[in-house]
C-alpha atoms as a PDB file:
ATOM      1  CA  UNK A   1       0.000   0.000   0.000  1.00  0.00           C
ATOM      2  CA  UNK A   2       1.235   3.498  -0.779  1.00  0.00           C
ATOM      3  CA  UNK A   3       3.054   5.050   2.117  1.00  0.00           C
ATOM      4  CA  UNK A   4       2.347   8.480   3.534  1.00  0.00           C
ATOM      5  CA  UNK A   5       5.654   9.825   2.249  1.00  0.00           C
ATOM      6  CA  UNK A   6       5.409   8.500  -1.330  1.00  0.00           C
ATOM      7  CA  UNK A   7       5.838  11.159  -4.082  1.00  0.00           C
ATOM      8  CA  UNK A   8       2.198  10.747  -5.168  1.00  0.00           C
ATOM      9  CA  UNK A   9       0.875  11.315  -1.646  1.00  0.00           C
ATOM     10  CA  UNK A  10       3.098  14.349  -1.069  1.00  0.00           C
ATOM     11  CA  UNK A  11       2.132  15.779  -4.486  1.00  0.00           C
ATOM     12  CA  UNK A  12      -1.579  15.279  -3.779  1.00  0.00           C
ATOM     13  CA  UNK A  13      -1.100  17.076  -0.449  1.00  0.00           C
ATOM     14  CA  UNK A  14       0.472  20.111  -2.158  1.00  0.00           C
ATOM     15  CA  UNK A  15      -2.137  20.270  -4.938  1.00  0.00           C
ATOM     16  CA  UNK A  16      -4.981  20.115  -2.408  1.00  0.00           C
ATOM     17  CA  UNK A  17      -3.358  22.826  -0.297  1.00  0.00           C
ATOM     18  CA  UNK A  18      -2.869  25.066  -3.358  1.00  0.00           C
ATOM     19  CA  UNK A  19      -6.542  24.676  -4.203  1.00  0.00           C
ATOM     20  CA  UNK A  20      -7.673  25.654  -0.705  1.00  0.00           C
ATOM     21  CA  UNK A  21      -5.607  28.805  -0.228  1.00  0.00           C
ATOM     22  CA  UNK A  22      -2.443  30.629  -1.322  1.00  0.00           C
ATOM     23  CA  UNK A  23       0.791  29.234   0.070  1.00  0.00           C
ATOM     24  CA  UNK A  24       2.795  31.215   2.554  1.00  0.00           C
ATOM     25  CA  UNK A  25       6.293  32.248   1.508  1.00  0.00           C
ATOM     26  CA  UNK A  26       7.735  29.489   3.701  1.00  0.00           C
ATOM     27  CA  UNK A  27       5.424  26.888   2.158  1.00  0.00           C
ATOM     28  CA  UNK A  28       6.283  28.104  -1.346  1.00  0.00           C
ATOM     29  CA  UNK A  29       9.979  27.578  -0.632  1.00  0.00           C
ATOM     30  CA  UNK A  30       9.242  24.139   0.825  1.00  0.00           C
ATOM     31  CA  UNK A  31       7.310  23.147  -2.297  1.00  0.00           C
ATOM     32  CA  UNK A  32      10.079  24.318  -4.639  1.00  0.00           C
ATOM     33  CA  UNK A  33      12.698  22.489  -2.563  1.00  0.00           C
ATOM     34  CA  UNK A  34      10.657  19.270  -2.769  1.00  0.00           C
ATOM     35  CA  UNK A  35      10.121  19.605  -6.539  1.00  0.00           C
ATOM     36  CA  UNK A  36      13.829  20.126  -7.154  1.00  0.00           C
ATOM     37  CA  UNK A  37      14.973  17.343  -4.816  1.00  0.00           C
ATOM     38  CA  UNK A  38      14.025  14.537  -7.216  1.00  0.00           C
ATOM     39  CA  UNK A  39      12.924  14.641 -10.876  1.00  0.00           C
ATOM     40  CA  UNK A  40      10.177  12.125 -10.041  1.00  0.00           C
ATOM     41  CA  UNK A  41       8.595  14.685  -7.724  1.00  0.00           C
ATOM     42  CA  UNK A  42       7.842  16.963 -10.686  1.00  0.00           C
ATOM     43  CA  UNK A  43       6.101  14.126 -12.529  1.00  0.00           C
ATOM     44  CA  UNK A  44       4.064  13.188  -9.449  1.00  0.00           C
ATOM     45  CA  UNK A  45       3.052  16.832  -8.969  1.00  0.00           C
ATOM     46  CA  UNK A  46       1.948  17.180 -12.614  1.00  0.00           C
ATOM     47  CA  UNK A  47      -0.074  13.974 -12.413  1.00  0.00           C
ATOM     48  CA  UNK A  48      -1.787  15.137  -9.225  1.00  0.00           C
ATOM     49  CA  UNK A  49      -2.613  18.458 -10.888  1.00  0.00           C
ATOM     50  CA  UNK A  50      -4.115  16.619 -13.869  1.00  0.00           C
ATOM     51  CA  UNK A  51      -6.288  14.417 -11.647  1.00  0.00           C
ATOM     52  CA  UNK A  52      -7.394  17.430  -9.587  1.00  0.00           C
ATOM     53  CA  UNK A  53      -8.207  19.391 -12.767  1.00  0.00           C
ATOM     54  CA  UNK A  54     -10.521  16.676 -14.067  1.00  0.00           C
ATOM     55  CA  UNK A  55     -13.190  17.363 -11.455  1.00  0.00           C
ATOM     56  CA  UNK A  56     -12.820  21.139 -11.823  1.00  0.00           C
ATOM     57  CA  UNK A  57     -13.037  20.890 -15.602  1.00  0.00           C
ATOM     58  CA  UNK A  58     -16.228  18.892 -15.514  1.00  0.00           C
ATOM     59  CA  UNK A  59     -17.866  21.417 -13.175  1.00  0.00           C
ATOM     60  CA  UNK A  60     -16.645  24.435 -15.133  1.00  0.00           C
ATOM     61  CA  UNK A  61     -17.723  22.911 -18.441  1.00  0.00           C
ATOM     62  CA  UNK A  62     -21.379  23.221 -17.441  1.00  0.00           C
ATOM     63  CA  UNK A  63     -21.115  26.663 -15.840  1.00  0.00           C
ATOM     64  CA  UNK A  64     -23.388  29.131 -17.705  1.00  0.00           C
ATOM     65  CA  UNK A  65     -21.451  31.755 -19.677  1.00  0.00           C
ATOM     66  CA  UNK A  66     -22.327  34.680 -21.858  1.00  0.00           C
ATOM     67  CA  UNK A  67     -21.211  32.847 -24.987  1.00  0.00           C
ATOM     68  CA  UNK A  68     -23.823  32.150 -27.641  1.00  0.00           C
ATOM     69  CA  UNK A  69     -25.844  29.028 -26.787  1.00  0.00           C
ATOM     70  CA  UNK A  70     -25.049  25.810 -28.558  1.00  0.00           C
ATOM     71  CA  UNK A  71     -26.175  22.234 -28.203  1.00  0.00           C
ATOM     72  CA  UNK A  72     -24.046  19.243 -27.338  1.00  0.00           C
ATOM     73  CA  UNK A  73     -24.512  15.580 -28.122  1.00  0.00           C
ATOM     74  CA  UNK A  74     -23.456  12.460 -26.351  1.00  0.00           C
ATOM     75  CA  UNK A  75     -19.735  12.000 -27.131  1.00  0.00           C
ATOM     76  CA  UNK A  76     -18.491   9.095 -29.188  1.00  0.00           C
ATOM     77  CA  UNK A  77     -17.288   6.152 -27.125  1.00  0.00           C
ATOM     78  CA  UNK A  78     -13.904   6.462 -28.764  1.00  0.00           C
ATOM     79  CA  UNK A  79     -11.474   8.843 -27.127  1.00  0.00           C
ATOM     80  CA  UNK A  80     -10.723  10.585 -30.426  1.00  0.00           C
ATOM     81  CA  UNK A  81     -13.194  12.464 -32.603  1.00  0.00           C
ATOM     82  CA  UNK A  82     -12.067  13.085 -36.178  1.00  0.00           C
ATOM     83  CA  UNK A  83     -11.806  16.666 -37.396  1.00  0.00           C
ATOM     84  CA  UNK A  84     -14.760  16.228 -39.769  1.00  0.00           C
ATOM     85  CA  UNK A  85     -17.056  14.951 -37.033  1.00  0.00           C
ATOM     86  CA  UNK A  86     -15.650  17.521 -34.622  1.00  0.00           C
ATOM     87  CA  UNK A  87     -16.823  20.357 -36.809  1.00  0.00           C
ATOM     88  CA  UNK A  88     -20.411  19.173 -36.546  1.00  0.00           C
ATOM     89  CA  UNK A  89     -20.349  18.123 -32.881  1.00  0.00           C
ATOM     90  CA  UNK A  90     -18.283  20.691 -31.059  1.00  0.00           C
ATOM     91  CA  UNK A  91     -17.758  23.848 -33.147  1.00  0.00           C
ATOM     92  CA  UNK A  92     -19.491  27.198 -32.679  1.00  0.00           C
ATOM     93  CA  UNK A  93     -18.806  30.078 -35.026  1.00  0.00           C
ATOM     94  CA  UNK A  94     -18.797  33.391 -33.162  1.00  0.00           C
ATOM     95  CA  UNK A  95     -18.433  36.787 -34.878  1.00  0.00           C
ATOM     96  CA  UNK A  96     -15.440  38.674 -33.500  1.00  0.00           C
ATOM     97  CA  UNK A  97     -15.177  42.377 -32.716  1.00  0.00           C
ATOM     98  CA  UNK A  98     -13.422  42.997 -36.028  1.00  0.00           C
ATOM     99  CA  UNK A  99     -16.037  41.080 -37.994  1.00  0.00           C
ATOM    100  CA  UNK A 100     -13.810  38.034 -38.406  1.00  0.00           C
ATOM    101  CA  UNK A 101     -15.514  34.822 -37.348  1.00  0.00           C
ATOM    102  CA  UNK A 102     -13.866  32.667 -34.719  1.00  0.00           C
ATOM    103  CA  UNK A 103     -14.448  28.981 -34.085  1.00  0.00           C
ATOM    104  CA  UNK A 104     -15.004  27.767 -30.546  1.00  0.00           C
ATOM    105  CA  UNK A 105     -14.385  24.125 -29.713  1.00  0.00           C
ATOM    106  CA  UNK A 106     -15.528  22.280 -26.595  1.00  0.00           C
ATOM    107  CA  UNK A 107     -15.064  18.680 -25.514  1.00  0.00           C
ATOM    108  CA  UNK A 108     -16.600  16.322 -22.992  1.00  0.00           C
ATOM    109  CA  UNK A 109     -15.424  12.676 -22.837  1.00  0.00           C
ATOM    110  CA  UNK A 110     -13.323  12.930 -25.973  1.00  0.00           C
ATOM    111  CA  UNK A 111     -10.102  14.223 -27.453  1.00  0.00           C
ATOM    112  CA  UNK A 112     -10.688  16.584 -30.366  1.00  0.00           C
ATOM    113  CA  UNK A 113      -8.436  16.837 -33.427  1.00  0.00           C
ATOM    114  CA  UNK A 114      -9.446  20.201 -34.825  1.00  0.00           C
ATOM    115  CA  UNK A 115      -9.169  20.866 -38.586  1.00  0.00           C
ATOM    116  CA  UNK A 116      -5.488  21.038 -39.527  1.00  0.00           C
ATOM    117  CA  UNK A 117      -3.944  23.677 -41.795  1.00  0.00           C
ATOM    118  CA  UNK A 118      -0.413  24.374 -43.011  1.00  0.00           C
ATOM    119  CA  UNK A 119      -0.066  27.036 -40.314  1.00  0.00           C
ATOM    120  CA  UNK A 120      -1.322  25.182 -37.234  1.00  0.00           C
ATOM    121  CA  UNK A 121      -2.734  22.082 -35.542  1.00  0.00           C
ATOM    122  CA  UNK A 122      -4.886  22.086 -32.405  1.00  0.00           C
ATOM    123  CA  UNK A 123      -5.622  18.999 -30.290  1.00  0.00           C
ATOM    124  CA  UNK A 124      -8.035  19.553 -27.412  1.00  0.00           C
ATOM    125  CA  UNK A 125      -8.135  17.277 -24.361  1.00  0.00           C
ATOM    126  CA  UNK A 126     -11.365  16.151 -22.690  1.00  0.00           C
ATOM    127  CA  UNK A 127     -13.379  18.743 -20.753  1.00  0.00           C
ATOM    128  CA  UNK A 128     -11.582  21.622 -22.467  1.00  0.00           C
ATOM    129  CA  UNK A 129     -12.492  24.685 -24.522  1.00  0.00           C
ATOM    130  CA  UNK A 130     -10.569  26.766 -27.065  1.00  0.00           C
ATOM    131  CA  UNK A 131     -11.274  29.466 -29.637  1.00  0.00           C
ATOM    132  CA  UNK A 132      -9.502  29.804 -32.979  1.00  0.00           C
ATOM    133  CA  UNK A 133      -9.093  32.672 -35.410  1.00  0.00           C
ATOM    134  CA  UNK A 134      -7.119  32.755 -38.624  1.00  0.00           C
ATOM    135  CA  UNK A 135      -4.051  34.164 -36.862  1.00  0.00           C
ATOM    136  CA  UNK A 136      -4.382  33.038 -33.232  1.00  0.00           C
ATOM    137  CA  UNK A 137      -5.615  30.427 -30.773  1.00  0.00           C
ATOM    138  CA  UNK A 138      -7.081  31.180 -27.337  1.00  0.00           C
ATOM    139  CA  UNK A 139      -7.179  28.538 -24.612  1.00  0.00           C
ATOM    140  CA  UNK A 140     -10.345  29.112 -22.594  1.00  0.00           C
ATOM    141  CA  UNK A 141     -10.141  26.200 -20.186  1.00  0.00           C
ATOM    142  CA  UNK A 142      -8.553  22.772 -19.816  1.00  0.00           C
ATOM    143  CA  UNK A 143      -5.631  21.345 -21.766  1.00  0.00           C
ATOM    144  CA  UNK A 144      -4.574  21.753 -25.388  1.00  0.00           C
ATOM    145  CA  UNK A 145      -1.669  20.829 -27.659  1.00  0.00           C
ATOM    146  CA  UNK A 146      -0.863  23.398 -30.358  1.00  0.00           C
ATOM    147  CA  UNK A 147       1.725  23.273 -33.119  1.00  0.00           C
ATOM    148  CA  UNK A 148       2.444  25.914 -35.710  1.00  0.00           C
ATOM    149  CA  UNK A 149       4.761  28.490 -37.244  1.00  0.00           C
ATOM    150  CA  UNK A 150       4.576  32.071 -35.989  1.00  0.00           C
ATOM    151  CA  UNK A 151       1.309  31.055 -34.308  1.00  0.00           C
ATOM    152  CA  UNK A 152      -0.047  33.368 -31.594  1.00  0.00           C
ATOM    153  CA  UNK A 153      -1.420  31.509 -28.548  1.00  0.00           C
ATOM    154  CA  UNK A 154      -3.254  33.378 -25.784  1.00  0.00           C
ATOM    155  CA  UNK A 155      -4.385  32.447 -22.306  1.00  0.00           C
ATOM    156  CA  UNK A 156      -5.876  34.925 -19.852  1.00  0.00           C
ATOM    157  CA  UNK A 157      -2.557  36.526 -18.908  1.00  0.00           C
ATOM    158  CA  UNK A 158       0.131  35.001 -21.157  1.00  0.00           C
ATOM    159  CA  UNK A 159       0.825  35.416 -24.864  1.00  0.00           C
ATOM    160  CA  UNK A 160       3.005  32.988 -26.809  1.00  0.00           C
ATOM    161  CA  UNK A 161       4.383  33.225 -30.333  1.00  0.00           C
ATOM    162  CA  UNK A 162       5.086  29.648 -31.304  1.00  0.00           C
ATOM    163  CA  UNK A 163       7.510  28.050 -33.733  1.00  0.00           C
ATOM    164  CA  UNK A 164       7.125  24.403 -32.833  1.00  0.00           C
ATOM    165  CA  UNK A 165       4.656  22.771 -30.440  1.00  0.00           C
ATOM    166  CA  UNK A 166       3.262  23.768 -27.063  1.00  0.00           C
ATOM    167  CA  UNK A 167       1.300  21.972 -24.341  1.00  0.00           C
ATOM    168  CA  UNK A 168      -0.977  24.396 -22.489  1.00  0.00           C
ATOM    169  CA  UNK A 169      -3.078  23.973 -19.350  1.00  0.00           C
ATOM    170  CA  UNK A 170      -5.451  26.520 -17.894  1.00  0.00           C
ATOM    171  CA  UNK A 171      -7.428  26.095 -14.690  1.00  0.00           C
ATOM    172  CA  UNK A 172      -9.447  28.385 -12.470  1.00  0.00           C
ATOM    173  CA  UNK A 173      -6.383  29.837 -10.719  1.00  0.00           C
ATOM    174  CA  UNK A 174      -3.285  28.822 -12.678  1.00  0.00           C
ATOM    175  CA  UNK A 175      -1.849  28.609 -16.211  1.00  0.00           C
ATOM    176  CA  UNK A 176       1.095  26.721 -17.679  1.00  0.00           C
ATOM    177  CA  UNK A 177       2.821  26.282 -21.017  1.00  0.00           C
ATOM    178  CA  UNK A 178       5.409  23.625 -21.909  1.00  0.00           C
ATOM    179  CA  UNK A 179       7.384  23.825 -25.148  1.00  0.00           C
ATOM    180  CA  UNK A 180       7.601  20.258 -26.463  1.00  0.00           C
ATOM    181  CA  UNK A 181       9.526  21.074 -29.657  1.00  0.00           C
ATOM    182  CA  UNK A 182      11.032  24.151 -31.277  1.00  0.00           C
ATOM    183  CA  UNK A 183      10.786  27.472 -29.478  1.00  0.00           C
ATOM    184  CA  UNK A 184       8.219  29.955 -28.254  1.00  0.00           C
ATOM    185  CA  UNK A 185       8.573  33.439 -26.912  1.00  0.00           C
ATOM    186  CA  UNK A 186       6.236  34.454 -24.150  1.00  0.00           C
ATOM    187  CA  UNK A 187       5.166  37.784 -22.751  1.00  0.00           C
ATOM    188  CA  UNK A 188       2.544  38.841 -20.256  1.00  0.00           C
ATOM    189  CA  UNK A 189       1.999  38.734 -16.542  1.00  0.00           C
ATOM    190  CA  UNK A 190       5.036  40.147 -14.709  1.00  0.00           C
ATOM    191  CA  UNK A 191       7.338  40.026 -17.770  1.00  0.00           C
ATOM    192  CA  UNK A 192       8.664  43.424 -18.838  1.00  0.00           C
ATOM    193  CA  UNK A 193      10.236  41.845 -21.943  1.00  0.00           C
ATOM    194  CA  UNK A 194       9.472  38.678 -23.845  1.00  0.00           C
ATOM    195  CA  UNK A 195      11.308  35.507 -22.828  1.00  0.00           C
ATOM    196  CA  UNK A 196      12.264  32.744 -25.246  1.00  0.00           C
ATOM    197  CA  UNK A 197      11.498  29.177 -24.187  1.00  0.00           C
ATOM    198  CA  UNK A 198      13.102  26.115 -25.783  1.00  0.00           C
ATOM    199  CA  UNK A 199      12.004  22.488 -25.911  1.00  0.00           C
ATOM    200  CA  UNK A 200      11.439  21.101 -22.412  1.00  0.00           C
ATOM    201  CA  UNK A 201      11.042  24.487 -20.734  1.00  0.00           C
ATOM    202  CA  UNK A 202       7.858  25.296 -18.812  1.00  0.00           C
ATOM    203  CA  UNK A 203       6.348  28.534 -17.561  1.00  0.00           C
ATOM    204  CA  UNK A 204       3.724  28.373 -14.804  1.00  0.00           C
ATOM    205  CA  UNK A 205       1.579  31.117 -13.339  1.00  0.00           C
ATOM    206  CA  UNK A 206       0.926  29.903  -9.796  1.00  0.00           C
ATOM    207  CA  UNK A 207      -2.260  30.520  -7.791  1.00  0.00           C
ATOM    208  CA  UNK A 208      -0.225  33.077  -5.818  1.00  0.00           C
ATOM    209  CA  UNK A 209       0.281  35.122  -8.987  1.00  0.00           C
ATOM    210  CA  UNK A 210       3.971  34.257  -9.379  1.00  0.00           C
ATOM    211  CA  UNK A 211       5.744  33.066 -12.519  1.00  0.00           C
ATOM    212  CA  UNK A 212       7.815  29.906 -12.177  1.00  0.00           C
ATOM    213  CA  UNK A 213      10.180  28.479 -14.816  1.00  0.00           C
ATOM    214  CA  UNK A 214      11.328  24.853 -14.906  1.00  0.00           C
ATOM    215  CA  UNK A 215      12.723  22.193 -17.219  1.00  0.00           C
ATOM    216  CA  UNK A 216      11.220  18.786 -18.042  1.00  0.00           C
ATOM    217  CA  UNK A 217      13.228  15.843 -19.365  1.00  0.00           C
ATOM    218  CA  UNK A 218      12.218  14.116 -22.653  1.00  0.00           C
ATOM    219  CA  UNK A 219      10.703  11.122 -20.840  1.00  0.00           C
ATOM    220  CA  UNK A 220       8.373  13.356 -18.840  1.00  0.00           C
ATOM    221  CA  UNK A 221       7.415  15.274 -22.008  1.00  0.00           C
ATOM    222  CA  UNK A 222       6.555  11.998 -23.717  1.00  0.00           C
ATOM    223  CA  UNK A 223       4.329  10.933 -20.815  1.00  0.00           C
ATOM    224  CA  UNK A 224       2.557  14.295 -20.615  1.00  0.00           C
ATOM    225  CA  UNK A 225       1.754  14.346 -24.345  1.00  0.00           C
ATOM    226  CA  UNK A 226       0.771  10.670 -24.736  1.00  0.00           C
ATOM    227  CA  UNK A 227      -2.923  11.674 -24.668  1.00  0.00           C
ATOM    228  CA  UNK A 228      -2.468  13.566 -27.962  1.00  0.00           C
ATOM    229  CA  UNK A 229      -1.924  10.163 -29.606  1.00  0.00           C
ATOM    230  CA  UNK A 230      -4.855   8.580 -27.784  1.00  0.00           C
ATOM    231  CA  UNK A 231      -2.599   6.851 -25.275  1.00  0.00           C
ATOM    232  CA  UNK A 232      -1.802   6.952 -21.579  1.00  0.00           C
ATOM    233  CA  UNK A 233       1.637   6.206 -20.161  1.00  0.00           C
ATOM    234  CA  UNK A 234       1.307   4.702 -16.692  1.00  0.00           C
ATOM    235  CA  UNK A 235       4.318   4.574 -14.416  1.00  0.00           C
ATOM    236  CA  UNK A 236       3.665   5.245 -10.726  1.00  0.00           C
ATOM    237  CA  UNK A 237      -0.139   5.476 -10.882  1.00  0.00           C
ATOM    238  CA  UNK A 238      -2.181   3.095  -8.762  1.00  0.00           C
ATOM    239  CA  UNK A 239      -4.957   1.014 -10.339  1.00  0.00           C
ATOM    240  CA  UNK A 240      -7.442   3.448  -8.804  1.00  0.00           C
ATOM    241  CA  UNK A 241      -5.675   6.459 -10.334  1.00  0.00           C
ATOM    242  CA  UNK A 242      -5.392   4.704 -13.703  1.00  0.00           C
ATOM    243  CA  UNK A 243      -9.133   3.941 -13.609  1.00  0.00           C
ATOM    244  CA  UNK A 244      -9.856   7.630 -13.010  1.00  0.00           C
ATOM    245  CA  UNK A 245      -7.861   8.514 -16.129  1.00  0.00           C
ATOM    246  CA  UNK A 246      -9.628   5.964 -18.347  1.00  0.00           C
ATOM    247  CA  UNK A 247     -13.039   6.941 -16.968  1.00  0.00           C
ATOM    248  CA  UNK A 248     -12.589  10.553 -18.078  1.00  0.00           C
ATOM    249  CA  UNK A 249     -12.505   9.400 -21.709  1.00  0.00           C
ATOM    250  CA  UNK A 250     -14.930   6.465 -21.831  1.00  0.00           C
ATOM    251  CA  UNK A 251     -18.620   5.770 -21.298  1.00  0.00           C
ATOM    252  CA  UNK A 252     -17.830   2.313 -19.909  1.00  0.00           C
ATOM    253  CA  UNK A 253     -16.316   2.888 -16.479  1.00  0.00           C
ATOM    254  CA  UNK A 254     -13.578   0.923 -14.723  1.00  0.00           C
ATOM    255  CA  UNK A 255     -14.417   0.075 -11.105  1.00  0.00           C
ATOM    256  CA  UNK A 256     -11.495  -1.451  -9.170  1.00  0.00           C
ATOM    257  CA  UNK A 257     -12.236  -3.091  -5.848  1.00  0.00           C
ATOM    258  CA  UNK A 258     -10.977  -1.452  -2.669  1.00  0.00           C
ATOM    259  CA  UNK A 259      -8.433  -4.221  -2.069  1.00  0.00           C
ATOM    260  CA  UNK A 260      -7.039  -3.908  -5.614  1.00  0.00           C
ATOM    261  CA  UNK A 261      -6.978  -0.110  -5.806  1.00  0.00           C
ATOM    262  CA  UNK A 262      -3.459   0.454  -4.414  1.00  0.00           C
ATOM    263  CA  UNK A 263      -1.607  -1.957  -6.706  1.00  0.00           C
ATOM    264  CA  UNK A 264       0.354  -0.443  -9.588  1.00  0.00           C
ATOM    265  CA  UNK A 265       0.705  -1.408 -13.234  1.00  0.00           C
ATOM    266  CA  UNK A 266       3.087   0.305 -15.659  1.00  0.00           C
ATOM    267  CA  UNK A 267       2.877   0.490 -19.424  1.00  0.00           C
ATOM    268  CA  UNK A 268       1.448   2.304 -22.459  1.00  0.00           C
ATOM    269  CA  UNK A 269      -2.271   1.790 -23.101  1.00  0.00           C
ATOM    270  CA  UNK A 270      -4.936   3.037 -25.520  1.00  0.00           C
ATOM    271  CA  UNK A 271      -7.133   5.579 -23.759  1.00  0.00           C
ATOM    272  CA  UNK A 272     -10.256   4.370 -25.549  1.00  0.00           C
ATOM    273  CA  UNK A 273      -9.729   0.686 -24.642  1.00  0.00           C
ATOM    274  CA  UNK A 274     -10.363   0.270 -20.916  1.00  0.00           C
ATOM    275  CA  UNK A 275     -11.108  -3.396 -21.652  1.00  0.00           C
ATOM    276  CA  UNK A 276      -7.484  -3.935 -22.750  1.00  0.00           C
ATOM    277  CA  UNK A 277      -6.220  -2.317 -19.552  1.00  0.00           C
ATOM    278  CA  UNK A 278      -8.582  -4.529 -17.551  1.00  0.00           C
ATOM    279  CA  UNK A 279      -7.163  -7.619 -19.281  1.00  0.00           C
ATOM    280  CA  UNK A 280      -3.633  -6.472 -18.384  1.00  0.00           C
ATOM    281  CA  UNK A 281      -4.677  -6.112 -14.750  1.00  0.00           C
ATOM    282  CA  UNK A 282      -6.190  -9.582 -14.888  1.00  0.00           C
ATOM    283  CA  UNK A 283      -3.063 -11.100 -16.456  1.00  0.00           C
ATOM    284  CA  UNK A 284      -0.416  -9.351 -14.352  1.00  0.00           C
ATOM    285  CA  UNK A 285      -2.216  -9.077 -11.014  1.00  0.00           C
ATOM    286  CA  UNK A 286      -4.354 -12.212 -11.385  1.00  0.00           C
ATOM    287  CA  UNK A 287      -7.518 -10.141 -10.863  1.00  0.00           C
ATOM    288  CA  UNK A 288     -11.050 -11.191 -11.760  1.00  0.00           C
ATOM    289  CA  UNK A 289     -13.155  -9.227 -14.276  1.00  0.00           C
ATOM    290  CA  UNK A 290     -16.935  -8.805 -14.226  1.00  0.00           C
ATOM    291  CA  UNK A 291     -18.847  -6.594 -16.672  1.00  0.00           C
ATOM    292  CA  UNK A 292     -22.245  -5.088 -17.234  1.00  0.00           C
ATOM    293  CA  UNK A 293     -23.412  -2.630 -19.886  1.00  0.00           C
ATOM    294  CA  UNK A 294     -21.770   0.387 -18.241  1.00  0.00           C
ATOM    295  CA  UNK A 295     -18.987  -0.948 -16.020  1.00  0.00           C
ATOM    296  CA  UNK A 296     -15.920  -3.165 -15.914  1.00  0.00           C
ATOM    297  CA  UNK A 297     -15.411  -4.403 -12.347  1.00  0.00           C
ATOM    298  CA  UNK A 298     -11.886  -5.397 -11.314  1.00  0.00           C
ATOM    299  CA  UNK A 299     -11.933  -7.704  -8.333  1.00  0.00           C
ATOM    300  CA  UNK A 300      -9.117  -8.643  -5.986  1.00  0.00           C
ATOM    301  CA  UNK A 301      -8.355 -12.353  -5.614  1.00  0.00           C
ATOM    302  CA  UNK A 302      -6.842 -13.971  -2.541  1.00  0.00           C
ATOM    303  CA  UNK A 303      -3.742 -15.326  -4.247  1.00  0.00           C
ATOM    304  CA  UNK A 304      -1.137 -12.779  -5.347  1.00  0.00           C
ATOM    305  CA  UNK A 305       2.196 -14.105  -6.688  1.00  0.00           C
ATOM    306  CA  UNK A 306       5.173 -13.303  -4.484  1.00  0.00           C
ATOM    307  CA  UNK A 307       6.938 -11.260  -7.177  1.00  0.00           C
ATOM    308  CA  UNK A 308       4.049  -8.742  -7.332  1.00  0.00           C
ATOM    309  CA  UNK A 309       4.563  -6.005  -4.773  1.00  0.00           C
ATOM    310  CA  UNK A 310       1.721  -4.027  -3.328  1.00  0.00           C
ATOM    311  CA  UNK A 311       3.003  -0.501  -2.904  1.00  0.00           C
END
């Protein structure tokens, strides 16, 4: 069973504390010291943020706004929606102040590949919203992957000019951008001059209104962007945490038993195939599987081989 001092538990503690209230200066230093002490701490912190965001995204997605009304349909069971289908399911054309129409995209339990052009590509994660114009992209909420040449990307407080690809996240009280290839210059909140970011560099606007810069190794970048290919890279996640990830993208929900929840299983899996993940759990952990129309139940069995460690 996971111990109290495991990276995931410590990360979850910090994310929950950040959501409740601003950190004191002493706590902020303690958090930065912990993040820099071990590269795995950064990954655990990012995963905890992603899990925490999922609930906030779902709630914010249904919050009434002043945008023009539009209807939504039940999402496809597959994690990905093609760009052609996306245009009919999730796009809203809104006239801009200059008369130029913009296209607003919104997702629920799906990943959206927006129409691609020579200048840009936008991939929108589940429970996210973005708006596109001919010369710029605005991230309204959630997580998005953008690639392009001289492409302007805006959040609430930050402006990027991109020559490469960028992973962006925007929540209720924070924003972050990670350059995954090429370069991007950024200007905005607290920056008197633009700053150039290279591949692996991240800028984060914390809930305390401070800018933080960090570097992510290629392995972490690969894990964080796996969803753009319809995959999930599991490493330190428990079965319970993995189920939460799959359940965000699929109508059929994984339900691990309490006694199985703290085991861990590593590997690369298709986000839209929870049944394949369930079979891996059955094979590796000798679990039992039971299904109904809406659920896949993963049950603990009494015999666990000696070489399988419960963390």
